[in-house]
Amino acid sequence: MKLAMIAVALLLPLVAGAAAADADEFDFFYFVQQWPGSFCDTQRGCCFPDTGKPEPEFGIHGLWPNYAKCRPANDGPDAAASIDMVVGGHHRRQKCWPEYCDDSNQLLPFAIRDLISELAGNWPTLSCKNGGGGPSIEFWAYEWKKHGTCSGLGQHGYFAAALDLKRRDGGLAGILAAAGIVPSEDERYLLSGIRGAIANATGAIPNLECNRDAFGETQLYQVYQCVARDGKTLIDCPLPMSGRCSDRVKMPPF
C-alpha cells in the first residue's frame, strides 16, 4: 500500500506538468471582435445583457489560442475541437486549436473584480440563449473555460490582455471610420478596403468573417486579429480564412 501511495505521489507532478504543457501548446492567439449590428441583423436577432444595450462599438468575442498548423485529432476530448479535412487525398480529423485544457479551473469573479466594469462595456453578451438578457459574466466564464485555460495566462491576465488589445490604435470602429467605412443601411464596402484599413493602422493583416442579414446580404461580422504568444504583439495572420465573405459587404448600424 505504501509503495502504491508513493508511486501515485511521484506521478502527480508529471500529470500536472503534462496539463501545463497542454495549456501552453499553441502558436498564436486569435483576438476576435464582432460588430454588434451584424450579430443582431440576422433572422435569429439578439438579446441585450442585463446592463442594457451596448455601445455601437466592436465587442470582444474572445482571445483564442490557435495552432499555425492543424494536427491529427484523437477521438474523445479532442473531437469537439477538430474538423474534417482532406489530407493526402483522404479525409482526416484535424485538431486546429486547443480547448477546455482544465475543466476544474472555473472563473472566479473575485479574480477579475477590478475589470468587471470595463469588461461589461467591452465584452458584452448578445446571445439569446436561456432567454437572453442575462449577465455577461456567464459569457466570460464560458470563454475562460474553453479558451482561457489553454492560454498559459492567469484569469486576471487573460481578461486584461483582451482589454488591452481592444484599446489598441483607437479601436476598430475608429480605424474604419478614419478610412470612410462607417455603419450604413445602404453602403457596400470593399472587403479589401476593410482589411487594408485595419492592416495600415495596426501594422498587421487580420482575417475577416462575414454573416448574412435577414435578407441574405453579406455583412462584416467578425475581425480576427492575430497575436503572438505573449498576448500583446499583433502579427500577420498565418492562416487564410474564407470567412463566408464576398468582395463587397455591409456594415449595418447598431
Protein backbone atom coordinates (compact mmCIF):
# COMPACT_ATOMS: atom_id res chain seq x y z
CA MET A 1 0.00 0.00 0.00
CA LYS A 2 2.81 2.43 0.93
CA LEU A 3 4.60 1.69 -2.35
CA ALA A 4 1.39 2.38 -4.29
CA MET A 5 0.90 5.70 -2.47
CA ILE A 6 4.50 6.70 -3.19
CA ALA A 7 4.05 5.82 -6.88
CA VAL A 8 0.91 7.98 -7.09
CA ALA A 9 2.70 10.85 -5.33
CA LEU A 10 5.56 10.63 -7.81
CA LEU A 11 3.19 10.60 -10.77
CA LEU A 12 1.15 13.65 -9.70
CA PRO A 13 3.83 16.24 -10.62
CA LEU A 14 4.20 14.54 -14.01
CA VAL A 15 0.46 14.74 -14.65
CA ALA A 16 0.36 18.39 -13.57
CA GLY A 17 3.33 19.12 -15.80
CA ALA A 18 1.61 17.47 -18.74
CA ALA A 19 -1.53 19.57 -18.18
CA ALA A 20 0.58 22.74 -18.05
CA ALA A 21 2.32 21.73 -21.25
CA ASP A 22 -1.04 21.21 -22.96
CA ALA A 23 -2.16 24.66 -21.81
CA ASP A 24 0.93 26.25 -23.38
CA GLU A 25 0.89 24.21 -26.59
CA PHE A 26 -0.28 26.68 -29.21
CA ASP A 27 1.31 29.01 -31.77
CA PHE A 28 -0.65 32.27 -31.68
CA PHE A 29 -3.88 33.84 -30.45
CA TYR A 30 -6.90 34.89 -32.42
CA PHE A 31 -8.25 38.07 -30.84
CA VAL A 32 -11.82 38.15 -32.14
CA GLN A 33 -14.12 41.16 -32.12
CA GLN A 34 -17.64 41.23 -33.53
CA TRP A 35 -19.71 44.07 -34.96
CA PRO A 36 -22.96 44.09 -32.92
CA GLY A 37 -25.04 45.42 -35.83
CA SER A 38 -24.20 42.31 -37.84
CA PHE A 39 -24.74 39.99 -34.87
CA CYS A 40 -28.23 41.40 -34.35
CA ASP A 41 -29.22 41.91 -38.00
CA THR A 42 -29.94 38.25 -38.75
CA GLN A 43 -33.03 36.07 -38.65
CA ARG A 44 -32.08 34.97 -35.13
CA GLY A 45 -31.74 38.52 -33.81
CA CYS A 46 -30.04 39.24 -30.50
CA CYS A 47 -30.69 39.98 -26.83
CA PHE A 48 -29.01 42.66 -24.73
CA PRO A 49 -27.28 41.84 -21.43
CA ASP A 50 -28.74 42.89 -18.10
CA THR A 51 -26.64 46.07 -18.26
CA GLY A 52 -28.61 47.28 -21.30
CA LYS A 53 -27.82 47.93 -24.94
CA PRO A 54 -24.05 48.06 -25.56
CA GLU A 55 -22.38 51.00 -27.27
CA PRO A 56 -22.11 50.85 -31.09
CA GLU A 57 -18.55 49.53 -30.95
CA PHE A 58 -16.90 46.26 -31.86
CA GLY A 59 -17.30 43.93 -28.89
CA ILE A 60 -14.86 41.27 -27.78
CA HIS A 61 -15.83 37.71 -28.63
CA GLY A 62 -12.72 36.05 -27.28
CA LEU A 63 -8.97 35.54 -27.10
CA TRP A 64 -8.39 32.10 -28.56
CA PRO A 65 -5.16 30.07 -28.61
CA ASN A 66 -4.66 28.53 -32.04
CA TYR A 67 -2.29 26.27 -33.95
CA ALA A 68 -0.42 27.54 -37.02
CA LYS A 69 -0.84 24.06 -38.49
CA CYS A 70 -3.60 21.59 -37.75
CA ARG A 71 -2.57 18.21 -36.40
CA PRO A 72 -4.19 14.76 -36.32
CA ALA A 73 -7.03 14.63 -33.81
CA ASN A 74 -7.82 11.75 -31.49
CA ASP A 75 -11.30 10.61 -30.58
CA GLY A 76 -12.57 11.77 -27.23
CA PRO A 77 -11.97 15.21 -25.69
CA ASP A 78 -10.23 16.49 -28.85
CA ALA A 79 -13.18 15.69 -31.11
CA ALA A 80 -15.04 18.93 -30.39
CA ALA A 81 -12.01 20.99 -31.43
CA SER A 82 -11.41 19.06 -34.64
CA ILE A 83 -12.58 19.46 -38.21
CA ASP A 84 -12.77 17.09 -41.15
CA MET A 85 -10.07 17.91 -43.74
CA VAL A 86 -8.70 16.25 -46.86
CA VAL A 87 -5.08 15.29 -46.17
CA GLY A 88 -3.15 13.35 -48.82
CA GLY A 89 -6.38 12.59 -50.66
CA HIS A 90 -8.04 11.15 -47.54
CA HIS A 91 -10.47 12.61 -45.05
CA ARG A 92 -8.78 13.06 -41.68
CA ARG A 93 -9.95 14.59 -38.44
CA GLN A 94 -7.64 17.51 -37.68
CA LYS A 95 -7.35 19.46 -34.44
CA CYS A 96 -6.72 23.15 -35.18
CA TRP A 97 -6.85 24.70 -31.70
CA PRO A 98 -6.72 23.61 -28.06
CA GLU A 99 -9.75 23.96 -25.82
CA TYR A 100 -11.00 23.04 -22.34
CA CYS A 101 -7.48 22.48 -21.05
CA ASP A 102 -8.52 22.48 -17.38
CA ASP A 103 -12.22 21.95 -16.62
CA SER A 104 -11.57 22.34 -12.91
CA ASN A 105 -10.30 25.90 -13.39
CA GLN A 106 -13.57 27.83 -13.07
CA LEU A 107 -13.65 31.60 -13.46
CA LEU A 108 -13.64 33.34 -10.08
CA PRO A 109 -15.34 36.77 -10.26
CA PHE A 110 -13.15 37.94 -7.38
CA ALA A 111 -10.05 37.41 -9.53
CA ILE A 112 -11.26 39.96 -12.10
CA ARG A 113 -13.19 42.27 -9.77
CA ASP A 114 -11.27 45.38 -10.88
CA LEU A 115 -12.03 44.61 -14.55
CA ILE A 116 -15.77 43.92 -14.28
CA SER A 117 -16.94 47.40 -15.26
CA GLU A 118 -14.61 47.61 -18.26
CA LEU A 119 -15.48 44.08 -19.34
CA ALA A 120 -19.20 44.87 -19.18
CA GLY A 121 -18.74 47.69 -21.65
CA ASN A 122 -16.30 45.92 -23.98
CA TRP A 123 -17.19 42.21 -23.79
CA PRO A 124 -21.00 42.07 -23.62
CA THR A 125 -23.11 39.05 -24.45
CA LEU A 126 -25.68 39.43 -27.23
CA SER A 127 -26.84 35.83 -27.22
CA CYS A 128 -30.49 34.95 -26.70
CA LYS A 129 -29.63 31.60 -25.13
CA ASN A 130 -31.52 30.85 -21.92
CA GLY A 131 -33.96 33.65 -22.65
CA GLY A 132 -31.31 36.35 -23.18
CA GLY A 133 -30.83 39.47 -21.14
CA GLY A 134 -28.53 37.68 -18.70
CA PRO A 135 -25.26 38.72 -17.09
CA SER A 136 -22.23 38.88 -19.37
CA ILE A 137 -20.11 37.13 -16.74
CA GLU A 138 -21.65 33.83 -17.87
CA PHE A 139 -20.21 34.52 -21.33
CA TRP A 140 -16.80 35.38 -19.83
CA ALA A 141 -16.83 32.22 -17.72
CA TYR A 142 -17.52 30.13 -20.83
CA GLU A 143 -14.73 31.83 -22.81
CA TRP A 144 -12.31 31.36 -19.91
CA LYS A 145 -13.12 27.67 -19.50
CA LYS A 146 -12.99 26.89 -23.24
CA HIS A 147 -10.10 29.11 -24.35
CA GLY A 148 -8.54 30.89 -21.38
CA THR A 149 -7.49 27.70 -19.64
CA CYS A 150 -5.33 26.93 -22.70
CA SER A 151 -3.71 30.38 -22.85
CA GLY A 152 -0.95 29.98 -20.28
CA LEU A 153 -2.30 33.15 -18.63
CA GLY A 154 -3.95 33.52 -15.26
CA GLN A 155 -7.57 34.62 -15.05
CA HIS A 156 -6.81 38.29 -14.48
CA GLY A 157 -4.01 38.30 -17.05
CA TYR A 158 -6.21 36.71 -19.70
CA PHE A 159 -9.01 39.26 -19.47
CA ALA A 160 -6.63 42.20 -19.00
CA ALA A 161 -4.76 41.15 -22.16
CA ALA A 162 -8.01 41.13 -24.17
CA LEU A 163 -8.97 44.59 -22.91
CA ASP A 164 -5.50 45.95 -23.72
CA LEU A 165 -5.74 44.57 -27.27
CA LYS A 166 -9.15 46.16 -27.79
CA ARG A 167 -7.82 49.60 -26.82
CA ARG A 168 -5.08 49.43 -29.45
CA ASP A 169 -4.94 52.13 -32.12
CA GLY A 170 -8.19 53.74 -31.01
CA GLY A 171 -10.38 50.70 -31.63
CA LEU A 172 -11.62 49.04 -34.80
CA ALA A 173 -14.65 51.30 -35.30
CA GLY A 174 -12.40 54.37 -35.18
CA ILE A 175 -9.90 52.81 -37.58
CA LEU A 176 -12.61 52.02 -40.11
CA ALA A 177 -14.30 55.41 -39.71
CA ALA A 178 -10.99 57.13 -40.47
CA ALA A 179 -10.99 55.20 -43.77
CA GLY A 180 -14.55 56.24 -44.57
CA ILE A 181 -16.06 52.89 -43.56
CA VAL A 182 -18.99 53.64 -41.27
CA PRO A 183 -22.22 51.82 -40.40
CA SER A 184 -24.83 52.28 -43.14
CA GLU A 185 -28.01 50.67 -44.39
CA ASP A 186 -27.11 51.46 -47.99
CA GLU A 187 -23.34 51.40 -48.48
CA ARG A 188 -21.42 48.30 -49.53
CA TYR A 189 -17.70 48.37 -48.73
CA LEU A 190 -14.85 46.56 -50.41
CA LEU A 191 -13.64 43.76 -48.19
CA SER A 192 -10.08 44.51 -49.31
CA GLY A 193 -10.57 48.11 -48.14
CA ILE A 194 -11.65 46.96 -44.67
CA ARG A 195 -8.71 44.59 -44.36
CA GLY A 196 -6.30 47.22 -45.69
CA ALA A 197 -7.54 49.92 -43.31
CA ILE A 198 -7.02 47.67 -40.28
CA ALA A 199 -3.62 46.45 -41.53
CA ASN A 200 -2.39 50.01 -42.17
CA ALA A 201 -3.48 51.22 -38.74
CA THR A 202 -2.24 48.26 -36.72
CA GLY A 203 0.72 47.03 -38.78
CA ALA A 204 -0.73 43.52 -39.01
CA ILE A 205 -3.03 41.84 -41.56
CA PRO A 206 -6.24 40.49 -39.99
CA ASN A 207 -8.70 37.82 -41.08
CA LEU A 208 -12.35 38.76 -41.62
CA GLU A 209 -15.56 36.79 -41.20
CA CYS A 210 -18.98 37.63 -42.60
CA ASN A 211 -22.54 36.53 -41.95
CA ARG A 212 -25.87 37.10 -43.71
CA ASP A 213 -28.60 39.52 -42.75
CA ALA A 214 -32.29 38.61 -42.70
CA PHE A 215 -32.42 39.21 -46.49
CA GLY A 216 -29.35 37.14 -47.27
CA GLU A 217 -26.94 40.04 -47.85
CA THR A 218 -23.32 39.68 -46.80
CA GLN A 219 -22.18 41.80 -43.86
CA LEU A 220 -18.97 42.20 -41.89
CA TYR A 221 -19.37 40.12 -38.75
CA GLN A 222 -16.04 39.46 -37.01
CA VAL A 223 -12.46 40.68 -37.20
CA TYR A 224 -9.76 38.17 -36.29
CA GLN A 225 -6.54 39.89 -35.25
CA CYS A 226 -3.61 37.56 -34.73
CA VAL A 227 -1.44 37.94 -31.65
CA ALA A 228 1.89 36.38 -30.68
CA ARG A 229 2.07 34.01 -27.73
CA ASP A 230 2.99 36.91 -25.44
CA GLY A 231 -0.63 38.07 -25.72
CA LYS A 232 0.49 41.56 -26.75
CA THR A 233 2.20 41.66 -30.14
CA LEU A 234 0.00 41.84 -33.23
CA ILE A 235 1.21 39.73 -36.15
CA ASP A 236 0.03 39.00 -39.70
CA CYS A 237 -2.47 36.17 -39.52
CA PRO A 238 -0.59 33.00 -40.53
CA LEU A 239 -3.66 31.09 -41.74
CA PRO A 240 -6.02 32.00 -44.60
CA MET A 241 -9.73 32.26 -43.78
CA SER A 242 -12.59 32.16 -46.27
CA GLY A 243 -14.92 33.74 -43.74
CA ARG A 244 -18.03 33.44 -45.97
CA CYS A 245 -17.34 36.94 -47.33
CA SER A 246 -17.98 38.44 -50.75
CA ASP A 247 -15.98 41.25 -52.39
CA ARG A 248 -18.34 43.90 -51.02
CA VAL A 249 -20.05 43.77 -47.62
CA LYS A 250 -22.45 45.76 -45.47
CA MET A 251 -21.74 47.17 -42.04
CA PRO A 252 -25.25 47.67 -40.64
CA PRO A 253 -25.98 50.28 -37.96
CA PHE A 254 -26.46 49.17 -34.36
